Amino acid sequence: MFEDILKIIPWIAVVSLPLGYWKQAFHIYKHKETRDLDLGAFILFLVSYISLAIEAYSIASKVFLWKNLLVIVPTVILILKILYYKGSTWKEYDKIKENQKNNKNLNKRINIKASNSSKEEENK
């Protein structure tokens, strides 16, 4: 019984690890930003997963071969997404800048109206 449970545990990793990467890839696709992701870290992850897949193949470990192969694909996708969105700005930052611009324009209009009102009062 205990041995059967021990055989299932690695397969939990086979399913959960790739799902975590796919979830991150979907999050990037949905929000179109990668500002907090480190490209170097994901390149190191990819190198390690490829190395581990080769090792798993050489020792004929199906569980770890599948785990590493299933993680390689979303890792490559994440690397490509990080490269694609590199240099893009944070969406909230863009909103803040737009609001600041709108506030400056509003302040200019208020100042112009106040200035015109002052001139009209002087002319009276």
PDB file of N, CA and C in Angstrom:
ATOM      1  N   MET A   1       0.830  -1.192   0.000  1.00  0.00           N
ATOM      2  CA  MET A   1       0.000   0.000   0.000  1.00  0.00           C
ATOM      3  C   MET A   1       0.878   1.261   0.000  1.00  0.00           C
ATOM      4  N   PHE A   2       1.829   1.343   0.937  1.00  0.00           N
ATOM      5  CA  PHE A   2       2.714   2.493   1.030  1.00  0.00           C
ATOM      6  C   PHE A   2       3.570   2.628  -0.232  1.00  0.00           C
ATOM      7  N   GLU A   3       3.993   1.503  -0.773  1.00  0.00           N
ATOM      8  CA  GLU A   3       4.797   1.509  -2.003  1.00  0.00           C
ATOM      9  C   GLU A   3       3.989   2.023  -3.184  1.00  0.00           C
ATOM     10  N   ASP A   4       2.694   1.704  -3.207  1.00  0.00           N
ATOM     11  CA  ASP A   4       1.826   2.209  -4.274  1.00  0.00           C
ATOM     12  C   ASP A   4       1.708   3.728  -4.207  1.00  0.00           C
ATOM     13  N   ILE A   5       1.599   4.239  -2.996  1.00  0.00           N
ATOM     14  CA  ILE A   5       1.519   5.690  -2.814  1.00  0.00           C
ATOM     15  C   ILE A   5       2.816   6.344  -3.266  1.00  0.00           C
ATOM     16  N   LEU A   6       3.935   5.731  -2.936  1.00  0.00           N
ATOM     17  CA  LEU A   6       5.228   6.278  -3.341  1.00  0.00           C
ATOM     18  C   LEU A   6       5.387   6.294  -4.860  1.00  0.00           C
ATOM     19  N   LYS A   7       4.741   5.377  -5.554  1.00  0.00           N
ATOM     20  CA  LYS A   7       4.815   5.356  -7.019  1.00  0.00           C
ATOM     21  C   LYS A   7       3.992   6.481  -7.636  1.00  0.00           C
ATOM     22  N   ILE A   8       2.966   6.945  -6.926  1.00  0.00           N
ATOM     23  CA  ILE A   8       2.084   8.006  -7.438  1.00  0.00           C
ATOM     24  C   ILE A   8       2.699   9.391  -7.245  1.00  0.00           C
ATOM     25  N   ILE A   9       3.444   9.578  -6.191  1.00  0.00           N
ATOM     26  CA  ILE A   9       3.977  10.896  -5.848  1.00  0.00           C
ATOM     27  C   ILE A   9       4.779  11.532  -6.997  1.00  0.00           C
ATOM     28  N   PRO A  10       5.682  10.829  -7.658  1.00  0.00           N
ATOM     29  CA  PRO A  10       6.404  11.473  -8.764  1.00  0.00           C
ATOM     30  C   PRO A  10       5.475  11.924  -9.899  1.00  0.00           C
ATOM     31  N   TRP A  11       4.398  11.184 -10.115  1.00  0.00           N
ATOM     32  CA  TRP A  11       3.464  11.563 -11.174  1.00  0.00           C
ATOM     33  C   TRP A  11       2.701  12.836 -10.812  1.00  0.00           C
ATOM     34  N   ILE A  12       2.558  13.097  -9.524  1.00  0.00           N
ATOM     35  CA  ILE A  12       1.965  14.372  -9.099  1.00  0.00           C
ATOM     36  C   ILE A  12       2.862  15.517  -9.563  1.00  0.00           C
ATOM     37  N   ALA A  13       4.167  15.342  -9.432  1.00  0.00           N
ATOM     38  CA  ALA A  13       5.110  16.352  -9.925  1.00  0.00           C
ATOM     39  C   ALA A  13       5.050  16.468 -11.443  1.00  0.00           C
ATOM     40  N   VAL A  14       4.864  15.339 -12.120  1.00  0.00           N
ATOM     41  CA  VAL A  14       4.770  15.349 -13.584  1.00  0.00           C
ATOM     42  C   VAL A  14       3.602  16.217 -14.035  1.00  0.00           C
ATOM     43  N   VAL A  15       2.519  16.214 -13.280  1.00  0.00           N
ATOM     44  CA  VAL A  15       1.341  17.000 -13.644  1.00  0.00           C
ATOM     45  C   VAL A  15       1.429  18.430 -13.112  1.00  0.00           C
ATOM     46  N   SER A  16       1.806  18.598 -11.859  1.00  0.00           N
ATOM     47  CA  SER A  16       1.729  19.924 -11.238  1.00  0.00           C
ATOM     48  C   SER A  16       2.791  20.905 -11.734  1.00  0.00           C
ATOM     49  N   LEU A  17       4.000  20.477 -11.957  1.00  0.00           N
ATOM     50  CA  LEU A  17       5.050  21.393 -12.406  1.00  0.00           C
ATOM     51  C   LEU A  17       4.744  22.000 -13.781  1.00  0.00           C
ATOM     52  N   PRO A  18       4.420  21.199 -14.782  1.00  0.00           N
ATOM     53  CA  PRO A  18       4.061  21.808 -16.067  1.00  0.00           C
ATOM     54  C   PRO A  18       2.823  22.703 -15.970  1.00  0.00           C
ATOM     55  N   LEU A  19       1.851  22.318 -15.140  1.00  0.00           N
ATOM     56  CA  LEU A  19       0.657  23.157 -14.995  1.00  0.00           C
ATOM     57  C   LEU A  19       1.017  24.531 -14.445  1.00  0.00           C
ATOM     58  N   GLY A  20       1.966  24.582 -13.532  1.00  0.00           N
ATOM     59  CA  GLY A  20       2.416  25.869 -13.002  1.00  0.00           C
ATOM     60  C   GLY A  20       3.014  26.749 -14.089  1.00  0.00           C
ATOM     61  N   TYR A  21       3.809  26.158 -14.954  1.00  0.00           N
ATOM     62  CA  TYR A  21       4.399  26.925 -16.052  1.00  0.00           C
ATOM     63  C   TYR A  21       3.331  27.347 -17.066  1.00  0.00           C
ATOM     64  N   TRP A  22       2.400  26.456 -17.368  1.00  0.00           N
ATOM     65  CA  TRP A  22       1.323  26.811 -18.305  1.00  0.00           C
ATOM     66  C   TRP A  22       0.461  27.927 -17.733  1.00  0.00           C
ATOM     67  N   LYS A  23       0.226  27.882 -16.421  1.00  0.00           N
ATOM     68  CA  LYS A  23      -0.552  28.941 -15.769  1.00  0.00           C
ATOM     69  C   LYS A  23       0.167  30.280 -15.909  1.00  0.00           C
ATOM     70  N   GLN A  24       1.471  30.289 -15.707  1.00  0.00           N
ATOM     71  CA  GLN A  24       2.246  31.525 -15.864  1.00  0.00           C
ATOM     72  C   GLN A  24       2.206  32.003 -17.317  1.00  0.00           C
ATOM     73  N   ALA A  25       2.319  31.091 -18.266  1.00  0.00           N
ATOM     74  CA  ALA A  25       2.269  31.467 -19.678  1.00  0.00           C
ATOM     75  C   ALA A  25       0.912  32.078 -20.027  1.00  0.00           C
ATOM     76  N   PHE A  26      -0.168  31.514 -19.500  1.00  0.00           N
ATOM     77  CA  PHE A  26      -1.498  32.062 -19.750  1.00  0.00           C
ATOM     78  C   PHE A  26      -1.636  33.444 -19.114  1.00  0.00           C
ATOM     79  N   HIS A  27      -1.082  33.614 -17.917  1.00  0.00           N
ATOM     80  CA  HIS A  27      -1.131  34.908 -17.237  1.00  0.00           C
ATOM     81  C   HIS A  27      -0.436  35.981 -18.087  1.00  0.00           C
ATOM     82  N   ILE A  28       0.702  35.644 -18.666  1.00  0.00           N
ATOM     83  CA  ILE A  28       1.420  36.581 -19.532  1.00  0.00           C
ATOM     84  C   ILE A  28       0.590  36.880 -20.774  1.00  0.00           C
ATOM     85  N   TYR A  29       0.014  35.857 -21.368  1.00  0.00           N
ATOM     86  CA  TYR A  29      -0.823  36.040 -22.557  1.00  0.00           C
ATOM     87  C   TYR A  29      -1.997  36.970 -22.243  1.00  0.00           C
ATOM     88  N   LYS A  30      -2.599  36.777 -21.096  1.00  0.00           N
ATOM     89  CA  LYS A  30      -3.782  37.549 -20.715  1.00  0.00           C
ATOM     90  C   LYS A  30      -3.435  39.007 -20.403  1.00  0.00           C
ATOM     91  N   HIS A  31      -2.364  39.239 -19.652  1.00  0.00           N
ATOM     92  CA  HIS A  31      -2.031  40.585 -19.190  1.00  0.00           C
ATOM     93  C   HIS A  31      -1.011  41.301 -20.070  1.00  0.00           C
ATOM     94  N   LYS A  32      -0.371  40.600 -20.971  1.00  0.00           N
ATOM     95  CA  LYS A  32       0.580  41.181 -21.921  1.00  0.00           C
ATOM     96  C   LYS A  32       1.739  41.913 -21.239  1.00  0.00           C
ATOM     97  N   GLU A  33       2.237  41.377 -20.129  1.00  0.00           N
ATOM     98  CA  GLU A  33       3.386  41.997 -19.484  1.00  0.00           C
ATOM     99  C   GLU A  33       4.242  40.954 -18.762  1.00  0.00           C
ATOM    100  N   THR A  34       5.537  41.206 -18.766  1.00  0.00           N
ATOM    101  CA  THR A  34       6.485  40.271 -18.148  1.00  0.00           C
ATOM    102  C   THR A  34       7.490  41.015 -17.282  1.00  0.00           C
ATOM    103  N   ARG A  35       7.104  42.163 -16.750  1.00  0.00           N
ATOM    104  CA  ARG A  35       8.053  43.042 -16.061  1.00  0.00           C
ATOM    105  C   ARG A  35       8.740  42.400 -14.859  1.00  0.00           C
ATOM    106  N   ASP A  36       8.100  41.452 -14.189  1.00  0.00           N
ATOM    107  CA  ASP A  36       8.687  40.848 -12.986  1.00  0.00           C
ATOM    108  C   ASP A  36       9.376  39.510 -13.255  1.00  0.00           C
ATOM    109  N   LEU A  37       9.462  39.102 -14.495  1.00  0.00           N
ATOM    110  CA  LEU A  37      10.078  37.816 -14.823  1.00  0.00           C
ATOM    111  C   LEU A  37      11.506  38.029 -15.312  1.00  0.00           C
ATOM    112  N   ASP A  38      12.399  37.186 -14.846  1.00  0.00           N
ATOM    113  CA  ASP A  38      13.813  37.298 -15.187  1.00  0.00           C
ATOM    114  C   ASP A  38      14.143  36.323 -16.316  1.00  0.00           C
ATOM    115  N   LEU A  39      14.545  36.863 -17.450  1.00  0.00           N
ATOM    116  CA  LEU A  39      14.878  36.043 -18.614  1.00  0.00           C
ATOM    117  C   LEU A  39      15.996  35.065 -18.301  1.00  0.00           C
ATOM    118  N   GLY A  40      17.034  35.516 -17.600  1.00  0.00           N
ATOM    119  CA  GLY A  40      18.159  34.642 -17.263  1.00  0.00           C
ATOM    120  C   GLY A  40      17.741  33.442 -16.437  1.00  0.00           C
ATOM    121  N   ALA A  41      16.810  33.656 -15.511  1.00  0.00           N
ATOM    122  CA  ALA A  41      16.338  32.543 -14.679  1.00  0.00           C
ATOM    123  C   ALA A  41      15.648  31.491 -15.527  1.00  0.00           C
ATOM    124  N   PHE A  42      14.816  31.922 -16.465  1.00  0.00           N
ATOM    125  CA  PHE A  42      14.097  30.956 -17.294  1.00  0.00           C
ATOM    126  C   PHE A  42      15.027  30.248 -18.272  1.00  0.00           C
ATOM    127  N   ILE A  43      16.072  30.911 -18.713  1.00  0.00           N
ATOM    128  CA  ILE A  43      17.066  30.240 -19.560  1.00  0.00           C
ATOM    129  C   ILE A  43      17.791  29.170 -18.742  1.00  0.00           C
ATOM    130  N   LEU A  44      18.122  29.491 -17.497  1.00  0.00           N
ATOM    131  CA  LEU A  44      18.758  28.484 -16.628  1.00  0.00           C
ATOM    132  C   LEU A  44      17.807  27.317 -16.351  1.00  0.00           C
ATOM    133  N   PHE A  45      16.515  27.623 -16.131  1.00  0.00           N
ATOM    134  CA  PHE A  45      15.528  26.550 -15.950  1.00  0.00           C
ATOM    135  C   PHE A  45      15.511  25.644 -17.172  1.00  0.00           C
ATOM    136  N   LEU A  46      15.506  26.244 -18.356  1.00  0.00           N
ATOM    137  CA  LEU A  46      15.449  25.459 -19.593  1.00  0.00           C
ATOM    138  C   LEU A  46      16.669  24.555 -19.727  1.00  0.00           C
ATOM    139  N   VAL A  47      17.841  25.101 -19.467  1.00  0.00           N
ATOM    140  CA  VAL A  47      19.070  24.298 -19.546  1.00  0.00           C
ATOM    141  C   VAL A  47      18.995  23.136 -18.556  1.00  0.00           C
ATOM    142  N   SER A  48      18.521  23.406 -17.342  1.00  0.00           N
ATOM    143  CA  SER A  48      18.455  22.331 -16.349  1.00  0.00           C
ATOM    144  C   SER A  48      17.416  21.283 -16.729  1.00  0.00           C
ATOM    145  N   TYR A  49      16.272  21.695 -17.254  1.00  0.00           N
ATOM    146  CA  TYR A  49      15.250  20.711 -17.638  1.00  0.00           C
ATOM    147  C   TYR A  49      15.718  19.851 -18.812  1.00  0.00           C
ATOM    148  N   ILE A  50      16.419  20.458 -19.753  1.00  0.00           N
ATOM    149  CA  ILE A  50      16.955  19.675 -20.872  1.00  0.00           C
ATOM    150  C   ILE A  50      18.000  18.685 -20.347  1.00  0.00           C
ATOM    151  N   SER A  51      18.877  19.149 -19.471  1.00  0.00           N
ATOM    152  CA  SER A  51      19.900  18.267 -18.888  1.00  0.00           C
ATOM    153  C   SER A  51      19.265  17.121 -18.116  1.00  0.00           C
ATOM    154  N   LEU A  52      18.235  17.447 -17.323  1.00  0.00           N
ATOM    155  CA  LEU A  52      17.562  16.408 -16.550  1.00  0.00           C
ATOM    156  C   LEU A  52      16.792  15.434 -17.452  1.00  0.00           C
ATOM    157  N   ALA A  53      16.249  15.933 -18.558  1.00  0.00           N
ATOM    158  CA  ALA A  53      15.559  15.044 -19.499  1.00  0.00           C
ATOM    159  C   ALA A  53      16.550  14.061 -20.120  1.00  0.00           C
ATOM    160  N   ILE A  54      17.726  14.556 -20.459  1.00  0.00           N
ATOM    161  CA  ILE A  54      18.762  13.672 -21.014  1.00  0.00           C
ATOM    162  C   ILE A  54      19.169  12.618 -19.986  1.00  0.00           C
ATOM    163  N   GLU A  55      19.349  13.051 -18.748  1.00  0.00           N
ATOM    164  CA  GLU A  55      19.701  12.111 -17.669  1.00  0.00           C
ATOM    165  C   GLU A  55      18.586  11.093 -17.448  1.00  0.00           C
ATOM    166  N   ALA A  56      17.337  11.573 -17.433  1.00  0.00           N
ATOM    167  CA  ALA A  56      16.199  10.660 -17.236  1.00  0.00           C
ATOM    168  C   ALA A  56      16.127   9.638 -18.365  1.00  0.00           C
ATOM    169  N   TYR A  57      16.411  10.068 -19.589  1.00  0.00           N
ATOM    170  CA  TYR A  57      16.423   9.143 -20.721  1.00  0.00           C
ATOM    171  C   TYR A  57      17.540   8.116 -20.564  1.00  0.00           C
ATOM    172  N   SER A  58      18.705   8.566 -20.111  1.00  0.00           N
ATOM    173  CA  SER A  58      19.853   7.649 -20.003  1.00  0.00           C
ATOM    174  C   SER A  58      19.651   6.598 -18.917  1.00  0.00           C
ATOM    175  N   ILE A  59      18.868   6.936 -17.880  1.00  0.00           N
ATOM    176  CA  ILE A  59      18.607   5.940 -16.826  1.00  0.00           C
ATOM    177  C   ILE A  59      17.230   5.282 -16.991  1.00  0.00           C
ATOM    178  N   ALA A  60      16.587   5.587 -18.091  1.00  0.00           N
ATOM    179  CA  ALA A  60      15.279   5.000 -18.435  1.00  0.00           C
ATOM    180  C   ALA A  60      14.210   5.266 -17.362  1.00  0.00           C
ATOM    181  N   SER A  61      14.160   6.507 -16.899  1.00  0.00           N
ATOM    182  CA  SER A  61      13.139   6.886 -15.917  1.00  0.00           C
ATOM    183  C   SER A  61      12.008   7.621 -16.637  1.00  0.00           C
ATOM    184  N   LYS A  62      10.922   6.892 -16.893  1.00  0.00           N
ATOM    185  CA  LYS A  62       9.800   7.473 -17.625  1.00  0.00           C
ATOM    186  C   LYS A  62       9.197   8.670 -16.906  1.00  0.00           C
ATOM    187  N   VAL A  63       9.054   8.551 -15.599  1.00  0.00           N
ATOM    188  CA  VAL A  63       8.426   9.621 -14.823  1.00  0.00           C
ATOM    189  C   VAL A  63       9.185  10.937 -14.986  1.00  0.00           C
ATOM    190  N   PHE A  64      10.477  10.913 -14.759  1.00  0.00           N
ATOM    191  CA  PHE A  64      11.244  12.144 -14.815  1.00  0.00           C
ATOM    192  C   PHE A  64      11.495  12.603 -16.245  1.00  0.00           C
ATOM    193  N   LEU A  65      11.516  11.689 -17.171  1.00  0.00           N
ATOM    194  CA  LEU A  65      11.617  12.086 -18.570  1.00  0.00           C
ATOM    195  C   LEU A  65      10.370  12.872 -18.968  1.00  0.00           C
ATOM    196  N   TRP A  66       9.196  12.346 -18.649  1.00  0.00           N
ATOM    197  CA  TRP A  66       7.946  13.044 -18.967  1.00  0.00           C
ATOM    198  C   TRP A  66       7.859  14.388 -18.263  1.00  0.00           C
ATOM    199  N   LYS A  67       8.226  14.415 -16.992  1.00  0.00           N
ATOM    200  CA  LYS A  67       8.159  15.681 -16.236  1.00  0.00           C
ATOM    201  C   LYS A  67       9.002  16.747 -16.923  1.00  0.00           C
ATOM    202  N   ASN A  68      10.212  16.394 -17.268  1.00  0.00           N
ATOM    203  CA  ASN A  68      11.102  17.381 -17.877  1.00  0.00           C
ATOM    204  C   ASN A  68      10.673  17.760 -19.287  1.00  0.00           C
ATOM    205  N   LEU A  69      10.207  16.797 -20.051  1.00  0.00           N
ATOM    206  CA  LEU A  69       9.731  17.123 -21.401  1.00  0.00           C
ATOM    207  C   LEU A  69       8.500  18.024 -21.354  1.00  0.00           C
ATOM    208  N   LEU A  70       7.604  17.757 -20.412  1.00  0.00           N
ATOM    209  CA  LEU A  70       6.392  18.572 -20.307  1.00  0.00           C
ATOM    210  C   LEU A  70       6.663  19.976 -19.773  1.00  0.00           C
ATOM    211  N   VAL A  71       7.769  20.170 -19.089  1.00  0.00           N
ATOM    212  CA  VAL A  71       8.114  21.499 -18.581  1.00  0.00           C
ATOM    213  C   VAL A  71       8.936  22.286 -19.605  1.00  0.00           C
ATOM    214  N   ILE A  72       9.636  21.600 -20.472  1.00  0.00           N
ATOM    215  CA  ILE A  72      10.456  22.283 -21.478  1.00  0.00           C
ATOM    216  C   ILE A  72       9.592  23.153 -22.386  1.00  0.00           C
ATOM    217  N   VAL A  73       8.470  22.647 -22.823  1.00  0.00           N
ATOM    218  CA  VAL A  73       7.618  23.386 -23.767  1.00  0.00           C
ATOM    219  C   VAL A  73       7.131  24.719 -23.176  1.00  0.00           C
ATOM    220  N   PRO A  74       6.483  24.732 -21.992  1.00  0.00           N
ATOM    221  CA  PRO A  74       6.051  26.032 -21.471  1.00  0.00           C
ATOM    222  C   PRO A  74       7.214  26.947 -21.084  1.00  0.00           C
ATOM    223  N   THR A  75       8.357  26.366 -20.732  1.00  0.00           N
ATOM    224  CA  THR A  75       9.520  27.196 -20.414  1.00  0.00           C
ATOM    225  C   THR A  75       9.993  27.931 -21.665  1.00  0.00           C
ATOM    226  N   VAL A  76      10.019  27.238 -22.786  1.00  0.00           N
ATOM    227  CA  VAL A  76      10.384  27.884 -24.054  1.00  0.00           C
ATOM    228  C   VAL A  76       9.361  28.972 -24.390  1.00  0.00           C
ATOM    229  N   ILE A  77       8.084  28.684 -24.190  1.00  0.00           N
ATOM    230  CA  ILE A  77       7.039  29.685 -24.455  1.00  0.00           C
ATOM    231  C   ILE A  77       7.237  30.909 -23.562  1.00  0.00           C
ATOM    232  N   LEU A  78       7.544  30.687 -22.284  1.00  0.00           N
ATOM    233  CA  LEU A  78       7.769  31.811 -21.371  1.00  0.00           C
ATOM    234  C   LEU A  78       8.970  32.651 -21.803  1.00  0.00           C
ATOM    235  N   ILE A  79      10.034  31.996 -22.220  1.00  0.00           N
ATOM    236  CA  ILE A  79      11.216  32.728 -22.695  1.00  0.00           C
ATOM    237  C   ILE A  79      10.856  33.576 -23.908  1.00  0.00           C
ATOM    238  N   LEU A  80      10.115  32.996 -24.838  1.00  0.00           N
ATOM    239  CA  LEU A  80       9.718  33.749 -26.034  1.00  0.00           C
ATOM    240  C   LEU A  80       8.798  34.914 -25.679  1.00  0.00           C
ATOM    241  N   LYS A  81       7.892  34.715 -24.734  1.00  0.00           N
ATOM    242  CA  LYS A  81       6.997  35.797 -24.306  1.00  0.00           C
ATOM    243  C   LYS A  81       7.779  36.913 -23.607  1.00  0.00           C
ATOM    244  N   ILE A  82       8.758  36.545 -22.783  1.00  0.00           N
ATOM    245  CA  ILE A  82       9.578  37.559 -22.113  1.00  0.00           C
ATOM    246  C   ILE A  82      10.320  38.387 -23.157  1.00  0.00           C
ATOM    247  N   LEU A  83      10.861  37.725 -24.170  1.00  0.00           N
ATOM    248  CA  LEU A  83      11.557  38.440 -25.236  1.00  0.00           C
ATOM    249  C   LEU A  83      10.587  39.308 -26.047  1.00  0.00           C
ATOM    250  N   TYR A  84       9.398  38.802 -26.300  1.00  0.00           N
ATOM    251  CA  TYR A  84       8.405  39.531 -27.095  1.00  0.00           C
ATOM    252  C   TYR A  84       7.943  40.800 -26.377  1.00  0.00           C
ATOM    253  N   TYR A  85       7.690  40.695 -25.076  1.00  0.00           N
ATOM    254  CA  TYR A  85       7.186  41.836 -24.324  1.00  0.00           C
ATOM    255  C   TYR A  85       8.290  42.666 -23.677  1.00  0.00           C
ATOM    256  N   LYS A  86       9.541  42.353 -23.981  1.00  0.00           N
ATOM    257  CA  LYS A  86      10.669  43.101 -23.413  1.00  0.00           C
ATOM    258  C   LYS A  86      10.557  44.563 -23.846  1.00  0.00           C
ATOM    259  N   GLY A  87      10.691  45.446 -22.886  1.00  0.00           N
ATOM    260  CA  GLY A  87      10.610  46.873 -23.207  1.00  0.00           C
ATOM    261  C   GLY A  87       9.209  47.441 -23.124  1.00  0.00           C
ATOM    262  N   SER A  88       8.205  46.596 -23.018  1.00  0.00           N
ATOM    263  CA  SER A  88       6.852  47.123 -22.875  1.00  0.00           C
ATOM    264  C   SER A  88       6.681  47.646 -21.454  1.00  0.00           C
ATOM    265  N   THR A  89       5.799  48.613 -21.320  1.00  0.00           N
ATOM    266  CA  THR A  89       5.625  49.231 -20.008  1.00  0.00           C
ATOM    267  C   THR A  89       4.510  48.556 -19.243  1.00  0.00           C
ATOM    268  N   TRP A  90       4.532  48.774 -17.982  1.00  0.00           N
ATOM    269  CA  TRP A  90       3.526  48.258 -17.079  1.00  0.00           C
ATOM    270  C   TRP A  90       2.224  48.984 -17.346  1.00  0.00           C
ATOM    271  N   LYS A  91       1.127  48.260 -17.506  1.00  0.00           N
ATOM    272  CA  LYS A  91      -0.149  48.880 -17.881  1.00  0.00           C
ATOM    273  C   LYS A  91      -0.596  49.926 -16.872  1.00  0.00           C
ATOM    274  N   GLU A  92      -0.445  49.678 -15.587  1.00  0.00           N
ATOM    275  CA  GLU A  92      -0.851  50.647 -14.582  1.00  0.00           C
ATOM    276  C   GLU A  92       0.013  51.900 -14.663  1.00  0.00           C
ATOM    277  N   TYR A  93       1.277  51.733 -15.007  1.00  0.00           N
ATOM    278  CA  TYR A  93       2.168  52.878 -15.176  1.00  0.00           C
ATOM    279  C   TYR A  93       1.659  53.761 -16.310  1.00  0.00           C
ATOM    280  N   ASP A  94       1.231  53.135 -17.404  1.00  0.00           N
ATOM    281  CA  ASP A  94       0.675  53.892 -18.522  1.00  0.00           C
ATOM    282  C   ASP A  94      -0.572  54.664 -18.099  1.00  0.00           C
ATOM    283  N   LYS A  95      -1.417  54.033 -17.276  1.00  0.00           N
ATOM    284  CA  LYS A  95      -2.620  54.706 -16.793  1.00  0.00           C
ATOM    285  C   LYS A  95      -2.262  55.896 -15.909  1.00  0.00           C
ATOM    286  N   ILE A  96      -1.264  55.725 -15.041  1.00  0.00           N
ATOM    287  CA  ILE A  96      -0.834  56.812 -14.164  1.00  0.00           C
ATOM    288  C   ILE A  96      -0.323  57.975 -15.000  1.00  0.00           C
ATOM    289  N   LYS A  97       0.503  57.682 -15.994  1.00  0.00           N
ATOM    290  CA  LYS A  97       1.036  58.739 -16.864  1.00  0.00           C
ATOM    291  C   LYS A  97      -0.091  59.443 -17.614  1.00  0.00           C
ATOM    292  N   GLU A  98      -1.061  58.695 -18.096  1.00  0.00           N
ATOM    293  CA  GLU A  98      -2.190  59.289 -18.806  1.00  0.00           C
ATOM    294  C   GLU A  98      -2.994  60.190 -17.876  1.00  0.00           C
ATOM    295  N   ASN A  99      -3.221  59.737 -16.640  1.00  0.00           N
ATOM    296  CA  ASN A  99      -3.945  60.562 -15.664  1.00  0.00           C
ATOM    297  C   ASN A  99      -3.171  61.836 -15.340  1.00  0.00           C
ATOM    298  N   GLN A 100      -1.852  61.725 -15.202  1.00  0.00           N
ATOM    299  CA  GLN A 100      -1.043  62.912 -14.931  1.00  0.00           C
ATOM    300  C   GLN A 100      -1.137  63.900 -16.091  1.00  0.00           C
ATOM    301  N   LYS A 101      -1.122  63.388 -17.304  1.00  0.00           N
ATOM    302  CA  LYS A 101      -1.236  64.238 -18.488  1.00  0.00           C
ATOM    303  C   LYS A 101      -2.603  64.915 -18.510  1.00  0.00           C
ATOM    304  N   ASN A 102      -3.649  64.141 -18.218  1.00  0.00           N
ATOM    305  CA  ASN A 102      -4.994  64.713 -18.190  1.00  0.00           C
ATOM    306  C   ASN A 102      -5.124  65.765 -17.098  1.00  0.00           C
ATOM    307  N   ASN A 103      -4.522  65.519 -15.938  1.00  0.00           N
ATOM    308  CA  ASN A 103      -4.568  66.489 -14.848  1.00  0.00           C
ATOM    309  C   ASN A 103      -3.838  67.776 -15.213  1.00  0.00           C
ATOM    310  N   LYS A 104      -2.707  67.662 -15.907  1.00  0.00           N
ATOM    311  CA  LYS A 104      -1.978  68.859 -16.350  1.00  0.00           C
ATOM    312  C   LYS A 104      -2.839  69.665 -17.315  1.00  0.00           C
ATOM    313  N   ASN A 105      -3.496  68.957 -18.250  1.00  0.00           N
ATOM    314  CA  ASN A 105      -4.366  69.644 -19.202  1.00  0.00           C
ATOM    315  C   ASN A 105      -5.522  70.325 -18.485  1.00  0.00           C
ATOM    316  N   LEU A 106      -6.093  69.655 -17.503  1.00  0.00           N
ATOM    317  CA  LEU A 106      -7.190  70.227 -16.731  1.00  0.00           C
ATOM    318  C   LEU A 106      -6.708  71.449 -15.956  1.00  0.00           C
ATOM    319  N   ASN A 107      -5.538  71.349 -15.336  1.00  0.00           N
ATOM    320  CA  ASN A 107      -4.991  72.488 -14.599  1.00  0.00           C
ATOM    321  C   ASN A 107      -4.726  73.671 -15.523  1.00  0.00           C
ATOM    322  N   LYS A 108      -4.234  73.408 -16.729  1.00  0.00           N
ATOM    323  CA  LYS A 108      -4.005  74.489 -17.690  1.00  0.00           C
ATOM    324  C   LYS A 108      -5.321  75.174 -18.032  1.00  0.00           C
ATOM    325  N   ARG A 109      -6.383  74.377 -18.262  1.00  0.00           N
ATOM    326  CA  ARG A 109      -7.693  74.966 -18.600  1.00  0.00           C
ATOM    327  C   ARG A 109      -8.227  75.789 -17.439  1.00  0.00           C
ATOM    328  N   ILE A 110      -8.039  75.283 -16.221  1.00  0.00           N
ATOM    329  CA  ILE A 110      -8.505  76.020 -15.037  1.00  0.00           C
ATOM    330  C   ILE A 110      -7.732  77.326 -14.909  1.00  0.00           C
ATOM    331  N   ASN A 111      -6.414  77.268 -15.115  1.00  0.00           N
ATOM    332  CA  ASN A 111      -5.592  78.475 -15.018  1.00  0.00           C
ATOM    333  C   ASN A 111      -5.962  79.482 -16.091  1.00  0.00           C
ATOM    334  N   ILE A 112      -6.252  78.994 -17.294  1.00  0.00           N
ATOM    335  CA  ILE A 112      -6.654  79.898 -18.377  1.00  0.00           C
ATOM    336  C   ILE A 112      -7.980  80.559 -18.036  1.00  0.00           C
ATOM    337  N   LYS A 113      -8.942  79.787 -17.545  1.00  0.00           N
ATOM    338  CA  LYS A 113     -10.239  80.353 -17.164  1.00  0.00           C
ATOM    339  C   LYS A 113     -10.074  81.366 -16.036  1.00  0.00           C
ATOM    340  N   ALA A 114      -9.243  81.037 -15.045  1.00  0.00           N
ATOM    341  CA  ALA A 114      -9.006  81.945 -13.926  1.00  0.00           C
ATOM    342  C   ALA A 114      -8.325  83.219 -14.415  1.00  0.00           C
ATOM    343  N   SER A 115      -7.397  83.065 -15.313  1.00  0.00           N
ATOM    344  CA  SER A 115      -6.687  84.205 -15.871  1.00  0.00           C
ATOM    345  C   SER A 115      -7.643  85.092 -16.658  1.00  0.00           C
ATOM    346  N   ASN A 116      -8.504  84.465 -17.461  1.00  0.00           N
ATOM    347  CA  ASN A 116      -9.490  85.236 -18.237  1.00  0.00           C
ATOM    348  C   ASN A 116     -10.463  85.955 -17.321  1.00  0.00           C
ATOM    349  N   SER A 117     -10.884  85.319 -16.235  1.00  0.00           N
ATOM    350  CA  SER A 117     -11.802  85.930 -15.276  1.00  0.00           C
ATOM    351  C   SER A 117     -11.150  87.129 -14.622  1.00  0.00           C
ATOM    352  N   SER A 118      -9.879  87.012 -14.281  1.00  0.00           N
ATOM    353  CA  SER A 118      -9.150  88.116 -13.660  1.00  0.00           C
ATOM    354  C   SER A 118      -9.048  89.301 -14.620  1.00  0.00           C
ATOM    355  N   LYS A 119      -8.767  89.011 -15.878  1.00  0.00           N
ATOM    356  CA  LYS A 119      -8.658  90.066 -16.883  1.00  0.00           C
ATOM    357  C   LYS A 119     -10.003  90.757 -17.095  1.00  0.00           C
ATOM    358  N   GLU A 120     -11.073  89.996 -17.094  1.00  0.00           N
ATOM    359  CA  GLU A 120     -12.412  90.574 -17.272  1.00  0.00           C
ATOM    360  C   GLU A 120     -12.763  91.497 -16.091  1.00  0.00           C
ATOM    361  N   GLU A 121     -12.389  91.082 -14.883  1.00  0.00           N
ATOM    362  CA  GLU A 121     -12.664  91.905 -13.702  1.00  0.00           C
ATOM    363  C   GLU A 121     -11.840  93.173 -13.732  1.00  0.00           C
ATOM    364  N   GLU A 122     -10.603  93.104 -14.217  1.00  0.00           N
ATOM    365  CA  GLU A 122      -9.748  94.291 -14.326  1.00  0.00           C
ATOM    366  C   GLU A 122     -10.294  95.257 -15.340  1.00  0.00           C
ATOM    367  N   ASN A 123     -10.864  94.731 -16.423  1.00  0.00           N
ATOM    368  CA  ASN A 123     -11.397  95.575 -17.479  1.00  0.00           C
ATOM    369  C   ASN A 123     -12.667  96.303 -17.054  1.00  0.00           C
ATOM    370  N   LYS A 124     -13.341  95.823 -16.045  1.00  0.00           N
ATOM    371  CA  LYS A 124     -14.594  96.438 -15.594  1.00  0.00           C
ATOM    372  C   LYS A 124     -14.314  97.652 -14.846  1.00  0.00           C
TER     373      LYS A 124
END
